[in-house]
PDB file of N, CA and C in Angstrom:
ATOM      1  N   MET A   1       0.851  -1.180   0.000  1.00  0.00           N
ATOM      2  CA  MET A   1       0.000   0.000   0.000  1.00  0.00           C
ATOM      3  C   MET A   1       0.896   1.242   0.000  1.00  0.00           C
ATOM      4  N   ALA A   2       0.607   2.172  -0.856  1.00  0.00           N
ATOM      5  CA  ALA A   2       1.398   3.389  -0.990  1.00  0.00           C
ATOM      6  C   ALA A   2       1.236   4.303   0.225  1.00  0.00           C
ATOM      7  N   TYR A   3       2.245   5.098   0.456  1.00  0.00           N
ATOM      8  CA  TYR A   3       2.173   6.097   1.514  1.00  0.00           C
ATOM      9  C   TYR A   3       1.385   7.306   1.030  1.00  0.00           C
ATOM     10  N   VAL A   4       0.822   8.063   1.960  1.00  0.00           N
ATOM     11  CA  VAL A   4       0.096   9.296   1.654  1.00  0.00           C
ATOM     12  C   VAL A   4       0.603  10.401   2.571  1.00  0.00           C
ATOM     13  N   ILE A   5       0.393  11.625   2.140  1.00  0.00           N
ATOM     14  CA  ILE A   5       0.818  12.780   2.923  1.00  0.00           C
ATOM     15  C   ILE A   5      -0.420  13.472   3.475  1.00  0.00           C
ATOM     16  N   LYS A   6      -0.471  13.606   4.795  1.00  0.00           N
ATOM     17  CA  LYS A   6      -1.613  14.230   5.467  1.00  0.00           C
ATOM     18  C   LYS A   6      -1.557  15.745   5.338  1.00  0.00           C
ATOM     19  N   ASP A   7      -2.655  16.404   5.710  1.00  0.00           N
ATOM     20  CA  ASP A   7      -2.732  17.863   5.579  1.00  0.00           C
ATOM     21  C   ASP A   7      -1.898  18.606   6.618  1.00  0.00           C
ATOM     22  N   THR A   8      -1.183  17.884   7.451  1.00  0.00           N
ATOM     23  CA  THR A   8      -0.268  18.524   8.398  1.00  0.00           C
ATOM     24  C   THR A   8       1.095  18.809   7.755  1.00  0.00           C
ATOM     25  N   CYS A   9       1.239  18.458   6.483  1.00  0.00           N
ATOM     26  CA  CYS A   9       2.471  18.706   5.722  1.00  0.00           C
ATOM     27  C   CYS A   9       2.766  20.204   5.692  1.00  0.00           C
ATOM     28  N   ILE A  10       4.023  20.546   5.949  1.00  0.00           N
ATOM     29  CA  ILE A  10       4.436  21.954   5.921  1.00  0.00           C
ATOM     30  C   ILE A  10       5.229  22.292   4.654  1.00  0.00           C
ATOM     31  N   ALA A  11       5.258  21.364   3.704  1.00  0.00           N
ATOM     32  CA  ALA A  11       5.923  21.549   2.407  1.00  0.00           C
ATOM     33  C   ALA A  11       7.382  21.972   2.562  1.00  0.00           C
ATOM     34  N   CYS A  12       8.086  21.289   3.449  1.00  0.00           N
ATOM     35  CA  CYS A  12       9.490  21.623   3.702  1.00  0.00           C
ATOM     36  C   CYS A  12      10.426  21.066   2.635  1.00  0.00           C
ATOM     37  N   GLY A  13       9.991  20.013   1.919  1.00  0.00           N
ATOM     38  CA  GLY A  13      10.785  19.433   0.848  1.00  0.00           C
ATOM     39  C   GLY A  13      11.715  18.308   1.262  1.00  0.00           C
ATOM     40  N   THR A  14      11.778  17.995   2.530  1.00  0.00           N
ATOM     41  CA  THR A  14      12.676  16.949   3.009  1.00  0.00           C
ATOM     42  C   THR A  14      12.391  15.610   2.342  1.00  0.00           C
ATOM     43  N   CYS A  15      11.148  15.271   2.190  1.00  0.00           N
ATOM     44  CA  CYS A  15      10.771  13.968   1.641  1.00  0.00           C
ATOM     45  C   CYS A  15      11.151  13.801   0.176  1.00  0.00           C
ATOM     46  N   ILE A  16      11.101  14.867  -0.589  1.00  0.00           N
ATOM     47  CA  ILE A  16      11.378  14.770  -2.026  1.00  0.00           C
ATOM     48  C   ILE A  16      12.782  14.222  -2.276  1.00  0.00           C
ATOM     49  N   GLY A  17      13.744  14.728  -1.568  1.00  0.00           N
ATOM     50  CA  GLY A  17      15.113  14.275  -1.744  1.00  0.00           C
ATOM     51  C   GLY A  17      15.365  12.860  -1.265  1.00  0.00           C
ATOM     52  N   GLU A  18      14.499  12.342  -0.424  1.00  0.00           N
ATOM     53  CA  GLU A  18      14.669  11.002   0.128  1.00  0.00           C
ATOM     54  C   GLU A  18      14.019   9.908  -0.715  1.00  0.00           C
ATOM     55  N   CYS A  19      13.035  10.252  -1.523  1.00  0.00           N
ATOM     56  CA  CYS A  19      12.275   9.251  -2.278  1.00  0.00           C
ATOM     57  C   CYS A  19      13.102   8.693  -3.440  1.00  0.00           C
ATOM     58  N   PRO A  20      13.401   7.384  -3.410  1.00  0.00           N
ATOM     59  CA  PRO A  20      14.203   6.786  -4.485  1.00  0.00           C
ATOM     60  C   PRO A  20      13.430   6.623  -5.792  1.00  0.00           C
ATOM     61  N   GLN A  21      12.110   6.731  -5.752  1.00  0.00           N
ATOM     62  CA  GLN A  21      11.275   6.539  -6.935  1.00  0.00           C
ATOM     63  C   GLN A  21      10.800   7.854  -7.556  1.00  0.00           C
ATOM     64  N   GLU A  22      11.169   8.980  -6.954  1.00  0.00           N
ATOM     65  CA  GLU A  22      10.699  10.300  -7.403  1.00  0.00           C
ATOM     66  C   GLU A  22       9.168  10.322  -7.499  1.00  0.00           C
ATOM     67  N   ALA A  23       8.516   9.777  -6.471  1.00  0.00           N
ATOM     68  CA  ALA A  23       7.063   9.655  -6.450  1.00  0.00           C
ATOM     69  C   ALA A  23       6.369  10.850  -5.804  1.00  0.00           C
ATOM     70  N   ILE A  24       7.135  11.792  -5.249  1.00  0.00           N
ATOM     71  CA  ILE A  24       6.548  12.908  -4.512  1.00  0.00           C
ATOM     72  C   ILE A  24       6.604  14.171  -5.353  1.00  0.00           C
ATOM     73  N   SER A  25       5.464  14.870  -5.406  1.00  0.00           N
ATOM     74  CA  SER A  25       5.405  16.125  -6.152  1.00  0.00           C
ATOM     75  C   SER A  25       5.107  17.281  -5.207  1.00  0.00           C
ATOM     76  N   GLU A  26       5.622  18.449  -5.570  1.00  0.00           N
ATOM     77  CA  GLU A  26       5.478  19.640  -4.734  1.00  0.00           C
ATOM     78  C   GLU A  26       4.094  20.258  -4.877  1.00  0.00           C
ATOM     79  N   GLY A  27       3.753  21.085  -3.898  1.00  0.00           N
ATOM     80  CA  GLY A  27       2.502  21.822  -3.876  1.00  0.00           C
ATOM     81  C   GLY A  27       2.318  22.419  -2.495  1.00  0.00           C
ATOM     82  N   ASP A  28       1.162  23.003  -2.234  1.00  0.00           N
ATOM     83  CA  ASP A  28       0.892  23.524  -0.894  1.00  0.00           C
ATOM     84  C   ASP A  28       1.028  22.391   0.121  1.00  0.00           C
ATOM     85  N   ILE A  29       0.470  21.254  -0.248  1.00  0.00           N
ATOM     86  CA  ILE A  29       0.675  20.009   0.483  1.00  0.00           C
ATOM     87  C   ILE A  29       1.215  19.041  -0.556  1.00  0.00           C
ATOM     88  N   TYR A  30       2.316  18.402  -0.264  1.00  0.00           N
ATOM     89  CA  TYR A  30       2.938  17.510  -1.227  1.00  0.00           C
ATOM     90  C   TYR A  30       2.063  16.279  -1.454  1.00  0.00           C
ATOM     91  N   LYS A  31       2.242  15.633  -2.596  1.00  0.00           N
ATOM     92  CA  LYS A  31       1.467  14.449  -2.962  1.00  0.00           C
ATOM     93  C   LYS A  31       2.406  13.316  -3.341  1.00  0.00           C
ATOM     94  N   ILE A  32       1.967  12.088  -3.065  1.00  0.00           N
ATOM     95  CA  ILE A  32       2.712  10.902  -3.446  1.00  0.00           C
ATOM     96  C   ILE A  32       1.924  10.169  -4.525  1.00  0.00           C
ATOM     97  N   ASP A  33       2.579   9.883  -5.638  1.00  0.00           N
ATOM     98  CA  ASP A  33       1.958   9.145  -6.728  1.00  0.00           C
ATOM     99  C   ASP A  33       1.911   7.668  -6.332  1.00  0.00           C
ATOM    100  N   PRO A  34       0.721   7.108  -6.128  1.00  0.00           N
ATOM    101  CA  PRO A  34       0.620   5.715  -5.675  1.00  0.00           C
ATOM    102  C   PRO A  34       1.148   4.710  -6.694  1.00  0.00           C
ATOM    103  N   ASP A  35       1.192   5.096  -7.965  1.00  0.00           N
ATOM    104  CA  ASP A  35       1.706   4.190  -8.992  1.00  0.00           C
ATOM    105  C   ASP A  35       3.230   4.098  -8.963  1.00  0.00           C
ATOM    106  N   LYS A  36       3.886   5.118  -8.438  1.00  0.00           N
ATOM    107  CA  LYS A  36       5.348   5.126  -8.353  1.00  0.00           C
ATOM    108  C   LYS A  36       5.854   4.664  -6.990  1.00  0.00           C
ATOM    109  N   CYS A  37       5.059   4.844  -5.944  1.00  0.00           N
ATOM    110  CA  CYS A  37       5.468   4.509  -4.578  1.00  0.00           C
ATOM    111  C   CYS A  37       5.671   3.003  -4.431  1.00  0.00           C
ATOM    112  N   VAL A  38       6.822   2.623  -3.877  1.00  0.00           N
ATOM    113  CA  VAL A  38       7.129   1.205  -3.665  1.00  0.00           C
ATOM    114  C   VAL A  38       7.034   0.816  -2.186  1.00  0.00           C
ATOM    115  N   ASP A  39       6.434   1.688  -1.370  1.00  0.00           N
ATOM    116  CA  ASP A  39       6.163   1.395   0.035  1.00  0.00           C
ATOM    117  C   ASP A  39       7.440   1.152   0.842  1.00  0.00           C
ATOM    118  N   CYS A  40       8.498   1.912   0.541  1.00  0.00           N
ATOM    119  CA  CYS A  40       9.764   1.703   1.257  1.00  0.00           C
ATOM    120  C   CYS A  40       9.804   2.423   2.605  1.00  0.00           C
ATOM    121  N   GLY A  41       9.017   3.496   2.762  1.00  0.00           N
ATOM    122  CA  GLY A  41       8.959   4.209   4.035  1.00  0.00           C
ATOM    123  C   GLY A  41      10.056   5.226   4.260  1.00  0.00           C
ATOM    124  N   THR A  42      10.928   5.405   3.300  1.00  0.00           N
ATOM    125  CA  THR A  42      12.029   6.350   3.452  1.00  0.00           C
ATOM    126  C   THR A  42      11.516   7.774   3.664  1.00  0.00           C
ATOM    127  N   CYS A  43      10.494   8.147   2.933  1.00  0.00           N
ATOM    128  CA  CYS A  43       9.936   9.495   3.059  1.00  0.00           C
ATOM    129  C   CYS A  43       9.323   9.710   4.445  1.00  0.00           C
ATOM    130  N   ALA A  44       8.608   8.701   4.941  1.00  0.00           N
ATOM    131  CA  ALA A  44       7.972   8.803   6.253  1.00  0.00           C
ATOM    132  C   ALA A  44       9.006   8.972   7.362  1.00  0.00           C
ATOM    133  N   ALA A  45      10.108   8.249   7.248  1.00  0.00           N
ATOM    134  CA  ALA A  45      11.169   8.344   8.256  1.00  0.00           C
ATOM    135  C   ALA A  45      11.829   9.717   8.250  1.00  0.00           C
ATOM    136  N   ALA A  46      11.853  10.371   7.090  1.00  0.00           N
ATOM    137  CA  ALA A  46      12.503  11.672   6.958  1.00  0.00           C
ATOM    138  C   ALA A  46      11.604  12.838   7.340  1.00  0.00           C
ATOM    139  N   CYS A  47      10.302  12.642   7.359  1.00  0.00           N
ATOM    140  CA  CYS A  47       9.349  13.738   7.574  1.00  0.00           C
ATOM    141  C   CYS A  47       9.428  14.281   9.007  1.00  0.00           C
ATOM    142  N   PRO A  48       9.740  15.585   9.153  1.00  0.00           N
ATOM    143  CA  PRO A  48       9.871  16.155  10.490  1.00  0.00           C
ATOM    144  C   PRO A  48       8.524  16.351  11.215  1.00  0.00           C
ATOM    145  N   THR A  49       7.423  16.334  10.473  1.00  0.00           N
ATOM    146  CA  THR A  49       6.114  16.545  11.102  1.00  0.00           C
ATOM    147  C   THR A  49       5.280  15.260  11.169  1.00  0.00           C
ATOM    148  N   GLU A  50       5.893  14.126  10.800  1.00  0.00           N
ATOM    149  CA  GLU A  50       5.201  12.835  10.799  1.00  0.00           C
ATOM    150  C   GLU A  50       3.905  12.885   9.998  1.00  0.00           C
ATOM    151  N   SER A  51       3.954  13.604   8.874  1.00  0.00           N
ATOM    152  CA  SER A  51       2.778  13.787   8.018  1.00  0.00           C
ATOM    153  C   SER A  51       2.632  12.712   6.958  1.00  0.00           C
ATOM    154  N   ILE A  52       3.587  11.814   6.859  1.00  0.00           N
ATOM    155  CA  ILE A  52       3.524  10.763   5.847  1.00  0.00           C
ATOM    156  C   ILE A  52       3.238   9.435   6.536  1.00  0.00           C
ATOM    157  N   VAL A  53       2.131   8.825   6.103  1.00  0.00           N
ATOM    158  CA  VAL A  53       1.674   7.581   6.726  1.00  0.00           C
ATOM    159  C   VAL A  53       1.299   6.569   5.650  1.00  0.00           C
ATOM    160  N   GLU A  54       1.219   5.313   6.030  1.00  0.00           N
ATOM    161  CA  GLU A  54       0.758   4.289   5.091  1.00  0.00           C
ATOM    162  C   GLU A  54      -0.693   4.562   4.758  1.00  0.00           C
ATOM    163  N   GLY A  55      -1.004   4.489   3.471  1.00  0.00           N
ATOM    164  CA  GLY A  55      -2.353   4.810   3.009  1.00  0.00           C
ATOM    165  C   GLY A  55      -3.184   3.596   2.876  1.00  0.00           C
TER     166      GLY A  55
END
């Protein structure tokens, strides 16, 4: 199951650099493309606000 980014995201950009699949896109609240996400959890571990969770 792909990870998702909750609305508590502060758009800091930390997760983008950590994603090995380039599945995260920028915006007011970042988004994870479920077709690209391989469920590795790297982005969730890097998120300073714990806004990335298993979807």
